[in-house]
Amino acid sequence: MSTRAKVAAAGVVAAVVLFWTIGFWPGLLVLIGVPTAAYFMLDPSQRRRMKGLSRKQIGR
């Protein structure tokens, strides 16, 4: 199984657990809010570098 497939599977499991335990809307807020908050915590130079990377390069 590739790394991307493992990450996707872990995301699905996390979504199911969150939706089951705390409800749909709070779970959706957590799944979208955590990566968004992490992105905004980066320095401007780090954000520029992230924008420059293609999706294939992010997982390496």
PDB file of N, CA and C in Angstrom:
ATOM      1  N   MET A   1       0.851  -1.173   0.000  1.00  0.00           N
ATOM      2  CA  MET A   1       0.000   0.000   0.000  1.00  0.00           C
ATOM      3  C   MET A   1       0.900   1.240   0.000  1.00  0.00           C
ATOM      4  N   SER A   2       0.581   2.196  -0.858  1.00  0.00           N
ATOM      5  CA  SER A   2       1.399   3.403  -0.956  1.00  0.00           C
ATOM      6  C   SER A   2       1.153   4.319   0.242  1.00  0.00           C
ATOM      7  N   THR A   3       2.038   5.265   0.397  1.00  0.00           N
ATOM      8  CA  THR A   3       1.914   6.216   1.503  1.00  0.00           C
ATOM      9  C   THR A   3       0.642   7.035   1.373  1.00  0.00           C
ATOM     10  N   ARG A   4       0.320   7.443   0.153  1.00  0.00           N
ATOM     11  CA  ARG A   4      -0.886   8.239  -0.053  1.00  0.00           C
ATOM     12  C   ARG A   4      -2.146   7.442   0.298  1.00  0.00           C
ATOM     13  N   ALA A   5      -2.143   6.166  -0.019  1.00  0.00           N
ATOM     14  CA  ALA A   5      -3.294   5.326   0.313  1.00  0.00           C
ATOM     15  C   ALA A   5      -3.437   5.169   1.829  1.00  0.00           C
ATOM     16  N   LYS A   6      -2.324   5.057   2.523  1.00  0.00           N
ATOM     17  CA  LYS A   6      -2.362   4.954   3.982  1.00  0.00           C
ATOM     18  C   LYS A   6      -2.913   6.234   4.605  1.00  0.00           C
ATOM     19  N   VAL A   7      -2.483   7.378   4.082  1.00  0.00           N
ATOM     20  CA  VAL A   7      -2.979   8.660   4.596  1.00  0.00           C
ATOM     21  C   VAL A   7      -4.469   8.800   4.320  1.00  0.00           C
ATOM     22  N   ALA A   8      -4.905   8.409   3.140  1.00  0.00           N
ATOM     23  CA  ALA A   8      -6.323   8.481   2.800  1.00  0.00           C
ATOM     24  C   ALA A   8      -7.148   7.562   3.699  1.00  0.00           C
ATOM     25  N   ALA A   9      -6.661   6.371   3.943  1.00  0.00           N
ATOM     26  CA  ALA A   9      -7.374   5.431   4.817  1.00  0.00           C
ATOM     27  C   ALA A   9      -7.456   5.972   6.242  1.00  0.00           C
ATOM     28  N   ALA A  10      -6.375   6.551   6.728  1.00  0.00           N
ATOM     29  CA  ALA A  10      -6.379   7.127   8.073  1.00  0.00           C
ATOM     30  C   ALA A  10      -7.356   8.298   8.151  1.00  0.00           C
ATOM     31  N   GLY A  11      -7.451   9.100   7.097  1.00  0.00           N
ATOM     32  CA  GLY A  11      -8.406  10.205   7.069  1.00  0.00           C
ATOM     33  C   GLY A  11      -9.842   9.725   7.112  1.00  0.00           C
ATOM     34  N   VAL A  12     -10.126   8.652   6.395  1.00  0.00           N
ATOM     35  CA  VAL A  12     -11.486   8.092   6.400  1.00  0.00           C
ATOM     36  C   VAL A  12     -11.824   7.545   7.786  1.00  0.00           C
ATOM     37  N   VAL A  13     -10.897   6.841   8.388  1.00  0.00           N
ATOM     38  CA  VAL A  13     -11.137   6.301   9.732  1.00  0.00           C
ATOM     39  C   VAL A  13     -11.349   7.430  10.733  1.00  0.00           C
ATOM     40  N   ALA A  14     -10.522   8.482  10.653  1.00  0.00           N
ATOM     41  CA  ALA A  14     -10.673   9.621  11.566  1.00  0.00           C
ATOM     42  C   ALA A  14     -12.027  10.301  11.368  1.00  0.00           C
ATOM     43  N   ALA A  15     -12.446  10.439  10.114  1.00  0.00           N
ATOM     44  CA  ALA A  15     -13.742  11.066   9.836  1.00  0.00           C
ATOM     45  C   ALA A  15     -14.885  10.243  10.409  1.00  0.00           C
ATOM     46  N   VAL A  16     -14.846   8.943  10.223  1.00  0.00           N
ATOM     47  CA  VAL A  16     -15.912   8.083  10.739  1.00  0.00           C
ATOM     48  C   VAL A  16     -15.966   8.148  12.262  1.00  0.00           C
ATOM     49  N   VAL A  17     -14.815   8.108  12.909  1.00  0.00           N
ATOM     50  CA  VAL A  17     -14.781   8.161  14.378  1.00  0.00           C
ATOM     51  C   VAL A  17     -15.304   9.498  14.876  1.00  0.00           C
ATOM     52  N   LEU A  18     -14.858  10.599  14.243  1.00  0.00           N
ATOM     53  CA  LEU A  18     -15.321  11.916  14.680  1.00  0.00           C
ATOM     54  C   LEU A  18     -16.819  12.091  14.456  1.00  0.00           C
ATOM     55  N   PHE A  19     -17.296  11.687  13.295  1.00  0.00           N
ATOM     56  CA  PHE A  19     -18.715  11.842  12.998  1.00  0.00           C
ATOM     57  C   PHE A  19     -19.560  10.993  13.935  1.00  0.00           C
ATOM     58  N   TRP A  20     -19.071   9.832  14.301  1.00  0.00           N
ATOM     59  CA  TRP A  20     -19.826   8.925  15.160  1.00  0.00           C
ATOM     60  C   TRP A  20     -19.838   9.403  16.608  1.00  0.00           C
ATOM     61  N   THR A  21     -18.706   9.962  17.060  1.00  0.00           N
ATOM     62  CA  THR A  21     -18.609  10.335  18.476  1.00  0.00           C
ATOM     63  C   THR A  21     -19.144  11.730  18.774  1.00  0.00           C
ATOM     64  N   ILE A  22     -18.854  12.716  17.923  1.00  0.00           N
ATOM     65  CA  ILE A  22     -19.243  14.086  18.267  1.00  0.00           C
ATOM     66  C   ILE A  22     -20.255  14.691  17.309  1.00  0.00           C
ATOM     67  N   GLY A  23     -20.670  13.965  16.298  1.00  0.00           N
ATOM     68  CA  GLY A  23     -21.675  14.485  15.373  1.00  0.00           C
ATOM     69  C   GLY A  23     -21.054  14.939  14.059  1.00  0.00           C
ATOM     70  N   PHE A  24     -21.923  15.161  13.090  1.00  0.00           N
ATOM     71  CA  PHE A  24     -21.453  15.486  11.739  1.00  0.00           C
ATOM     72  C   PHE A  24     -20.783  16.848  11.660  1.00  0.00           C
ATOM     73  N   TRP A  25     -21.488  17.906  12.073  1.00  0.00           N
ATOM     74  CA  TRP A  25     -20.952  19.257  11.891  1.00  0.00           C
ATOM     75  C   TRP A  25     -19.713  19.529  12.735  1.00  0.00           C
ATOM     76  N   PRO A  26     -19.674  19.144  14.003  1.00  0.00           N
ATOM     77  CA  PRO A  26     -18.422  19.338  14.753  1.00  0.00           C
ATOM     78  C   PRO A  26     -17.264  18.516  14.165  1.00  0.00           C
ATOM     79  N   GLY A  27     -17.571  17.302  13.714  1.00  0.00           N
ATOM     80  CA  GLY A  27     -16.526  16.475  13.096  1.00  0.00           C
ATOM     81  C   GLY A  27     -15.996  17.091  11.821  1.00  0.00           C
ATOM     82  N   LEU A  28     -16.897  17.622  11.002  1.00  0.00           N
ATOM     83  CA  LEU A  28     -16.484  18.294   9.770  1.00  0.00           C
ATOM     84  C   LEU A  28     -15.654  19.527  10.079  1.00  0.00           C
ATOM     85  N   LEU A  29     -16.043  20.268  11.100  1.00  0.00           N
ATOM     86  CA  LEU A  29     -15.285  21.448  11.509  1.00  0.00           C
ATOM     87  C   LEU A  29     -13.864  21.074  11.934  1.00  0.00           C
ATOM     88  N   VAL A  30     -13.719  19.981  12.667  1.00  0.00           N
ATOM     89  CA  VAL A  30     -12.390  19.526  13.089  1.00  0.00           C
ATOM     90  C   VAL A  30     -11.571  19.081  11.888  1.00  0.00           C
ATOM     91  N   LEU A  31     -12.171  18.303  10.991  1.00  0.00           N
ATOM     92  CA  LEU A  31     -11.427  17.785   9.837  1.00  0.00           C
ATOM     93  C   LEU A  31     -10.978  18.890   8.888  1.00  0.00           C
ATOM     94  N   ILE A  32     -11.737  19.957   8.791  1.00  0.00           N
ATOM     95  CA  ILE A  32     -11.347  21.070   7.923  1.00  0.00           C
ATOM     96  C   ILE A  32     -10.538  22.106   8.692  1.00  0.00           C
ATOM     97  N   GLY A  33     -10.885  22.335   9.948  1.00  0.00           N
ATOM     98  CA  GLY A  33     -10.250  23.397  10.723  1.00  0.00           C
ATOM     99  C   GLY A  33      -8.814  23.128  11.127  1.00  0.00           C
ATOM    100  N   VAL A  34      -8.484  21.895  11.453  1.00  0.00           N
ATOM    101  CA  VAL A  34      -7.126  21.593  11.913  1.00  0.00           C
ATOM    102  C   VAL A  34      -6.086  21.819  10.810  1.00  0.00           C
ATOM    103  N   PRO A  35      -6.263  21.280   9.591  1.00  0.00           N
ATOM    104  CA  PRO A  35      -5.272  21.569   8.546  1.00  0.00           C
ATOM    105  C   PRO A  35      -5.232  23.051   8.156  1.00  0.00           C
ATOM    106  N   THR A  36      -6.384  23.714   8.195  1.00  0.00           N
ATOM    107  CA  THR A  36      -6.418  25.140   7.865  1.00  0.00           C
ATOM    108  C   THR A  36      -5.655  25.953   8.908  1.00  0.00           C
ATOM    109  N   ALA A  37      -5.859  25.652  10.170  1.00  0.00           N
ATOM    110  CA  ALA A  37      -5.140  26.347  11.238  1.00  0.00           C
ATOM    111  C   ALA A  37      -3.639  26.080  11.135  1.00  0.00           C
ATOM    112  N   ALA A  38      -3.271  24.859  10.811  1.00  0.00           N
ATOM    113  CA  ALA A  38      -1.848  24.537  10.669  1.00  0.00           C
ATOM    114  C   ALA A  38      -1.228  25.324   9.520  1.00  0.00           C
ATOM    115  N   TYR A  39      -1.957  25.486   8.423  1.00  0.00           N
ATOM    116  CA  TYR A  39      -1.454  26.258   7.280  1.00  0.00           C
ATOM    117  C   TYR A  39      -1.248  27.722   7.664  1.00  0.00           C
ATOM    118  N   PHE A  40      -2.208  28.293   8.385  1.00  0.00           N
ATOM    119  CA  PHE A  40      -2.096  29.703   8.756  1.00  0.00           C
ATOM    120  C   PHE A  40      -1.061  29.947   9.850  1.00  0.00           C
ATOM    121  N   MET A  41      -0.616  28.904  10.540  1.00  0.00           N
ATOM    122  CA  MET A  41       0.434  29.057  11.540  1.00  0.00           C
ATOM    123  C   MET A  41       1.824  29.101  10.915  1.00  0.00           C
ATOM    124  N   LEU A  42       1.933  28.787   9.629  1.00  0.00           N
ATOM    125  CA  LEU A  42       3.228  28.844   8.952  1.00  0.00           C
ATOM    126  C   LEU A  42       3.651  30.282   8.718  1.00  0.00           C
ATOM    127  N   ASP A  43       4.965  30.493   8.619  1.00  0.00           N
ATOM    128  CA  ASP A  43       5.484  31.808   8.236  1.00  0.00           C
ATOM    129  C   ASP A  43       5.109  32.083   6.793  1.00  0.00           C
ATOM    130  N   PRO A  44       5.097  33.355   6.374  1.00  0.00           N
ATOM    131  CA  PRO A  44       4.799  33.664   4.971  1.00  0.00           C
ATOM    132  C   PRO A  44       5.750  32.977   3.986  1.00  0.00           C
ATOM    133  N   SER A  45       7.018  32.850   4.351  1.00  0.00           N
ATOM    134  CA  SER A  45       7.965  32.180   3.446  1.00  0.00           C
ATOM    135  C   SER A  45       7.651  30.687   3.332  1.00  0.00           C
ATOM    136  N   GLN A  46       7.218  30.084   4.431  1.00  0.00           N
ATOM    137  CA  GLN A  46       6.858  28.667   4.392  1.00  0.00           C
ATOM    138  C   GLN A  46       5.583  28.461   3.580  1.00  0.00           C
ATOM    139  N   ARG A  47       4.638  29.401   3.669  1.00  0.00           N
ATOM    140  CA  ARG A  47       3.416  29.306   2.864  1.00  0.00           C
ATOM    141  C   ARG A  47       3.737  29.401   1.382  1.00  0.00           C
ATOM    142  N   ARG A  48       4.651  30.304   1.010  1.00  0.00           N
ATOM    143  CA  ARG A  48       5.049  30.416  -0.393  1.00  0.00           C
ATOM    144  C   ARG A  48       5.671  29.115  -0.881  1.00  0.00           C
ATOM    145  N   ARG A  49       6.495  28.503  -0.040  1.00  0.00           N
ATOM    146  CA  ARG A  49       7.118  27.242  -0.422  1.00  0.00           C
ATOM    147  C   ARG A  49       6.077  26.140  -0.579  1.00  0.00           C
ATOM    148  N   MET A  50       5.076  26.110   0.303  1.00  0.00           N
ATOM    149  CA  MET A  50       4.011  25.110   0.194  1.00  0.00           C
ATOM    150  C   MET A  50       3.200  25.297  -1.080  1.00  0.00           C
ATOM    151  N   LYS A  51       2.937  26.563  -1.457  1.00  0.00           N
ATOM    152  CA  LYS A  51       2.190  26.818  -2.679  1.00  0.00           C
ATOM    153  C   LYS A  51       2.985  26.365  -3.895  1.00  0.00           C
ATOM    154  N   GLY A  52       4.325  26.448  -3.811  1.00  0.00           N
ATOM    155  CA  GLY A  52       5.167  26.075  -4.936  1.00  0.00           C
ATOM    156  C   GLY A  52       5.297  24.587  -5.128  1.00  0.00           C
ATOM    157  N   LEU A  53       5.013  23.814  -4.099  1.00  0.00           N
ATOM    158  CA  LEU A  53       5.137  22.362  -4.189  1.00  0.00           C
ATOM    159  C   LEU A  53       3.912  21.773  -4.878  1.00  0.00           C
ATOM    160  N   SER A  54       4.153  20.788  -5.687  1.00  0.00           N
ATOM    161  CA  SER A  54       3.014  20.071  -6.243  1.00  0.00           C
ATOM    162  C   SER A  54       2.548  19.045  -5.220  1.00  0.00           C
ATOM    163  N   ARG A  55       1.367  18.530  -5.384  1.00  0.00           N
ATOM    164  CA  ARG A  55       0.833  17.547  -4.443  1.00  0.00           C
ATOM    165  C   ARG A  55       1.699  16.294  -4.389  1.00  0.00           C
ATOM    166  N   LYS A  56       2.337  15.946  -5.465  1.00  0.00           N
ATOM    167  CA  LYS A  56       3.171  14.748  -5.467  1.00  0.00           C
ATOM    168  C   LYS A  56       4.393  14.920  -4.573  1.00  0.00           C
ATOM    169  N   GLN A  57       4.902  16.129  -4.430  1.00  0.00           N
ATOM    170  CA  GLN A  57       6.108  16.363  -3.654  1.00  0.00           C
ATOM    171  C   GLN A  57       5.830  16.505  -2.166  1.00  0.00           C
ATOM    172  N   ILE A  58       4.597  16.813  -1.758  1.00  0.00           N
ATOM    173  CA  ILE A  58       4.296  17.070  -0.353  1.00  0.00           C
ATOM    174  C   ILE A  58       4.487  15.824   0.494  1.00  0.00           C
ATOM    175  N   GLY A  59       4.143  14.655   0.016  1.00  0.00           N
ATOM    176  CA  GLY A  59       4.231  13.446   0.818  1.00  0.00           C
ATOM    177  C   GLY A  59       5.617  12.831   0.912  1.00  0.00           C
ATOM    178  N   ARG A  60       6.576  13.379   0.226  1.00  0.00           N
ATOM    179  CA  ARG A  60       7.927  12.764   0.224  1.00  0.00           C
ATOM    180  C   ARG A  60       8.816  13.262   1.299  1.00  0.00           C
TER     181      ARG A  60
END
